[in-house]
Amino acid sequence: MGVKLEVFRMTLYLTFPVAMFWIANQAEWFEDAVIQRKRELWPPEEDQRQRLEEFKERLRKQREEKLLRDAQQSSKSSSA
């Protein structure tokens, strides 16, 4: 009975964590349970989304202006 009991215990010890890991990493479950609940508790505000888009646009413009300035400076220094 000792060997059979040990095999059963080892199977249980290995199966339980693997099963929990598999269940916890199901993308469909995460989408349904967690993200939907988060949206119920804290609904996204349209104003907040619009401000975020405006912020992204400002960052993009600043990055383009900086690249343009850097390109102009490097062309001036190389021609001098």
N, C-alpha and C. Protein backbone atom coordinates (compact mmCIF):
# COMPACT_ATOMS: atom_id res chain seq x y z
N MET A 1 0.82 -1.20 0.00
CA MET A 1 0.00 0.00 0.00
C MET A 1 0.87 1.26 0.00
N GLY A 2 2.10 1.18 0.49
CA GLY A 2 2.97 2.34 0.62
C GLY A 2 3.33 2.97 -0.72
N VAL A 3 3.70 2.14 -1.71
CA VAL A 3 4.10 2.67 -3.00
C VAL A 3 2.92 3.29 -3.72
N LYS A 4 1.76 2.65 -3.67
CA LYS A 4 0.57 3.18 -4.32
C LYS A 4 0.17 4.51 -3.70
N LEU A 5 0.25 4.62 -2.39
CA LEU A 5 -0.08 5.86 -1.71
C LEU A 5 0.90 6.97 -2.10
N GLU A 6 2.16 6.66 -2.20
CA GLU A 6 3.17 7.64 -2.58
C GLU A 6 2.96 8.11 -4.02
N VAL A 7 2.61 7.18 -4.90
CA VAL A 7 2.35 7.56 -6.30
C VAL A 7 1.13 8.47 -6.37
N PHE A 8 0.08 8.15 -5.62
CA PHE A 8 -1.12 8.99 -5.58
C PHE A 8 -0.77 10.38 -5.05
N ARG A 9 -0.01 10.46 -3.96
CA ARG A 9 0.34 11.75 -3.38
C ARG A 9 1.20 12.57 -4.34
N MET A 10 2.15 11.95 -5.00
CA MET A 10 3.00 12.66 -5.94
C MET A 10 2.17 13.18 -7.12
N THR A 11 1.24 12.36 -7.60
CA THR A 11 0.36 12.79 -8.69
C THR A 11 -0.47 13.99 -8.25
N LEU A 12 -1.01 13.94 -7.06
CA LEU A 12 -1.80 15.04 -6.53
C LEU A 12 -0.94 16.29 -6.37
N TYR A 13 0.26 16.14 -5.84
CA TYR A 13 1.15 17.28 -5.64
C TYR A 13 1.54 17.95 -6.95
N LEU A 14 1.66 17.18 -8.00
CA LEU A 14 2.03 17.75 -9.30
C LEU A 14 0.83 18.26 -10.07
N THR A 15 -0.29 17.58 -9.96
CA THR A 15 -1.47 17.94 -10.74
C THR A 15 -2.11 19.23 -10.25
N PHE A 16 -2.22 19.40 -8.96
CA PHE A 16 -2.90 20.57 -8.42
C PHE A 16 -2.26 21.89 -8.86
N PRO A 17 -0.96 22.12 -8.68
CA PRO A 17 -0.37 23.40 -9.11
C PRO A 17 -0.44 23.60 -10.62
N VAL A 18 -0.25 22.54 -11.38
CA VAL A 18 -0.32 22.67 -12.84
C VAL A 18 -1.73 23.05 -13.26
N ALA A 19 -2.73 22.41 -12.67
CA ALA A 19 -4.12 22.74 -12.99
C ALA A 19 -4.45 24.18 -12.60
N MET A 20 -4.01 24.62 -11.44
CA MET A 20 -4.28 26.00 -11.01
C MET A 20 -3.59 27.01 -11.94
N PHE A 21 -2.38 26.70 -12.34
CA PHE A 21 -1.67 27.58 -13.27
C PHE A 21 -2.41 27.65 -14.60
N TRP A 22 -2.86 26.52 -15.09
CA TRP A 22 -3.58 26.48 -16.37
C TRP A 22 -4.88 27.27 -16.28
N ILE A 23 -5.63 27.09 -15.21
CA ILE A 23 -6.91 27.80 -15.04
C ILE A 23 -6.67 29.31 -14.92
N ALA A 24 -5.67 29.70 -14.15
CA ALA A 24 -5.42 31.12 -13.93
C ALA A 24 -4.94 31.84 -15.19
N ASN A 25 -4.40 31.11 -16.15
CA ASN A 25 -3.87 31.74 -17.36
C ASN A 25 -4.78 31.61 -18.56
N GLN A 26 -6.04 31.39 -18.34
CA GLN A 26 -6.99 31.35 -19.43
C GLN A 26 -7.37 32.78 -19.81
N ALA A 27 -7.05 33.20 -21.02
CA ALA A 27 -7.29 34.57 -21.45
C ALA A 27 -8.78 34.90 -21.45
N GLU A 28 -9.63 33.97 -21.85
CA GLU A 28 -11.06 34.23 -21.89
C GLU A 28 -11.59 34.50 -20.49
N TRP A 29 -11.13 33.72 -19.52
CA TRP A 29 -11.57 33.93 -18.16
C TRP A 29 -11.12 35.30 -17.66
N PHE A 30 -9.90 35.67 -17.98
CA PHE A 30 -9.39 36.96 -17.54
C PHE A 30 -10.22 38.08 -18.13
N GLU A 31 -10.51 37.99 -19.42
CA GLU A 31 -11.30 39.03 -20.09
C GLU A 31 -12.68 39.14 -19.44
N ASP A 32 -13.33 38.02 -19.26
CA ASP A 32 -14.69 38.04 -18.72
C ASP A 32 -14.73 38.49 -17.27
N ALA A 33 -13.92 37.90 -16.45
CA ALA A 33 -14.03 38.11 -15.00
C ALA A 33 -13.36 39.40 -14.54
N VAL A 34 -12.17 39.66 -14.98
CA VAL A 34 -11.40 40.76 -14.41
C VAL A 34 -11.66 42.07 -15.14
N ILE A 35 -11.51 42.08 -16.44
CA ILE A 35 -11.64 43.33 -17.18
C ILE A 35 -13.07 43.84 -17.14
N GLN A 36 -14.06 42.96 -17.31
CA GLN A 36 -15.45 43.41 -17.23
C GLN A 36 -15.77 43.97 -15.85
N ARG A 37 -15.29 43.32 -14.81
CA ARG A 37 -15.54 43.81 -13.46
C ARG A 37 -14.87 45.17 -13.23
N LYS A 38 -13.67 45.33 -13.77
CA LYS A 38 -12.97 46.61 -13.65
C LYS A 38 -13.76 47.71 -14.35
N ARG A 39 -14.31 47.41 -15.51
CA ARG A 39 -15.10 48.41 -16.24
C ARG A 39 -16.40 48.73 -15.52
N GLU A 40 -16.96 47.77 -14.81
CA GLU A 40 -18.16 48.04 -14.02
C GLU A 40 -17.84 48.96 -12.85
N LEU A 41 -16.72 48.71 -12.19
CA LEU A 41 -16.36 49.51 -11.03
C LEU A 41 -15.88 50.91 -11.42
N TRP A 42 -15.05 50.99 -12.45
CA TRP A 42 -14.51 52.27 -12.89
C TRP A 42 -14.75 52.44 -14.38
N PRO A 43 -15.93 52.93 -14.76
CA PRO A 43 -16.20 53.09 -16.19
C PRO A 43 -15.28 54.13 -16.82
N PRO A 44 -14.81 53.85 -18.02
CA PRO A 44 -13.92 54.82 -18.68
C PRO A 44 -14.69 56.10 -19.03
N GLU A 45 -14.06 57.21 -18.77
CA GLU A 45 -14.69 58.49 -19.06
C GLU A 45 -14.26 58.94 -20.44
N GLU A 46 -15.21 59.47 -21.22
CA GLU A 46 -14.88 59.94 -22.57
C GLU A 46 -13.91 61.11 -22.50
N ASP A 47 -14.11 62.00 -21.54
CA ASP A 47 -13.24 63.15 -21.40
C ASP A 47 -11.80 62.69 -21.14
N GLN A 48 -11.66 61.69 -20.31
CA GLN A 48 -10.33 61.17 -20.00
C GLN A 48 -9.68 60.57 -21.25
N ARG A 49 -10.46 59.85 -22.03
CA ARG A 49 -9.92 59.26 -23.25
C ARG A 49 -9.49 60.34 -24.24
N GLN A 50 -10.29 61.40 -24.36
CA GLN A 50 -9.96 62.49 -25.27
C GLN A 50 -8.69 63.20 -24.81
N ARG A 51 -8.56 63.44 -23.50
CA ARG A 51 -7.35 64.08 -22.98
C ARG A 51 -6.13 63.21 -23.24
N LEU A 52 -6.27 61.90 -23.11
CA LEU A 52 -5.16 61.00 -23.37
C LEU A 52 -4.74 61.07 -24.83
N GLU A 53 -5.69 61.10 -25.74
CA GLU A 53 -5.36 61.21 -27.16
C GLU A 53 -4.67 62.54 -27.46
N GLU A 54 -5.13 63.63 -26.85
CA GLU A 54 -4.49 64.92 -27.05
C GLU A 54 -3.06 64.90 -26.51
N PHE A 55 -2.87 64.27 -25.37
CA PHE A 55 -1.53 64.16 -24.79
C PHE A 55 -0.60 63.38 -25.71
N LYS A 56 -1.09 62.28 -26.25
CA LYS A 56 -0.28 61.48 -27.18
C LYS A 56 0.10 62.31 -28.41
N GLU A 57 -0.84 63.11 -28.90
CA GLU A 57 -0.57 63.93 -30.08
C GLU A 57 0.49 64.99 -29.77
N ARG A 58 0.41 65.62 -28.59
CA ARG A 58 1.42 66.60 -28.20
C ARG A 58 2.80 65.96 -28.09
N LEU A 59 2.87 64.77 -27.50
CA LEU A 59 4.15 64.08 -27.40
C LEU A 59 4.73 63.76 -28.78
N ARG A 60 3.86 63.32 -29.68
CA ARG A 60 4.31 63.00 -31.03
C ARG A 60 4.87 64.24 -31.72
N LYS A 61 4.16 65.39 -31.59
CA LYS A 61 4.62 66.63 -32.20
C LYS A 61 5.95 67.09 -31.61
N GLN A 62 6.08 66.99 -30.27
CA GLN A 62 7.33 67.39 -29.63
C GLN A 62 8.48 66.52 -30.11
N ARG A 63 8.24 65.23 -30.24
CA ARG A 63 9.28 64.31 -30.71
C ARG A 63 9.69 64.65 -32.14
N GLU A 64 8.70 64.95 -33.00
CA GLU A 64 9.02 65.30 -34.39
C GLU A 64 9.81 66.60 -34.45
N GLU A 65 9.41 67.61 -33.64
CA GLU A 65 10.13 68.88 -33.63
C GLU A 65 11.56 68.69 -33.15
N LYS A 66 11.76 67.88 -32.13
CA LYS A 66 13.10 67.63 -31.62
C LYS A 66 13.96 66.93 -32.68
N LEU A 67 13.39 65.95 -33.37
CA LEU A 67 14.14 65.27 -34.43
C LEU A 67 14.50 66.25 -35.55
N LEU A 68 13.57 67.14 -35.87
CA LEU A 68 13.83 68.12 -36.92
C LEU A 68 14.94 69.07 -36.49
N ARG A 69 14.88 69.56 -35.25
CA ARG A 69 15.94 70.44 -34.75
C ARG A 69 17.28 69.74 -34.74
N ASP A 70 17.31 68.49 -34.28
CA ASP A 70 18.55 67.74 -34.25
C ASP A 70 19.12 67.53 -35.66
N ALA A 71 18.24 67.28 -36.61
CA ALA A 71 18.68 67.07 -37.99
C ALA A 71 19.25 68.38 -38.56
N GLN A 72 18.60 69.51 -38.25
CA GLN A 72 19.08 70.79 -38.74
C GLN A 72 20.43 71.15 -38.12
N GLN A 73 20.59 70.87 -36.82
CA GLN A 73 21.86 71.16 -36.15
C GLN A 73 22.99 70.30 -36.69
N SER A 74 22.67 69.03 -36.95
CA SER A 74 23.72 68.16 -37.46
C SER A 74 24.12 68.53 -38.88
N SER A 75 23.16 69.02 -39.66
CA SER A 75 23.51 69.43 -41.02
C SER A 75 24.33 70.72 -41.00
N LYS A 76 24.04 71.62 -40.04
CA LYS A 76 24.83 72.85 -39.90
C LYS A 76 26.25 72.56 -39.46
N SER A 77 26.36 71.64 -38.49
CA SER A 77 27.71 71.33 -37.98
C SER A 77 28.55 70.57 -39.00
N SER A 78 27.92 69.77 -39.82
CA SER A 78 28.68 69.01 -40.82
C SER A 78 29.12 69.89 -41.98
N SER A 79 28.35 70.96 -42.26
CA SER A 79 28.72 71.84 -43.35
C SER A 79 29.75 72.89 -42.91
N ALA A 80 29.89 73.07 -41.61
CA ALA A 80 30.84 74.08 -41.13
C ALA A 80 32.25 73.61 -41.08
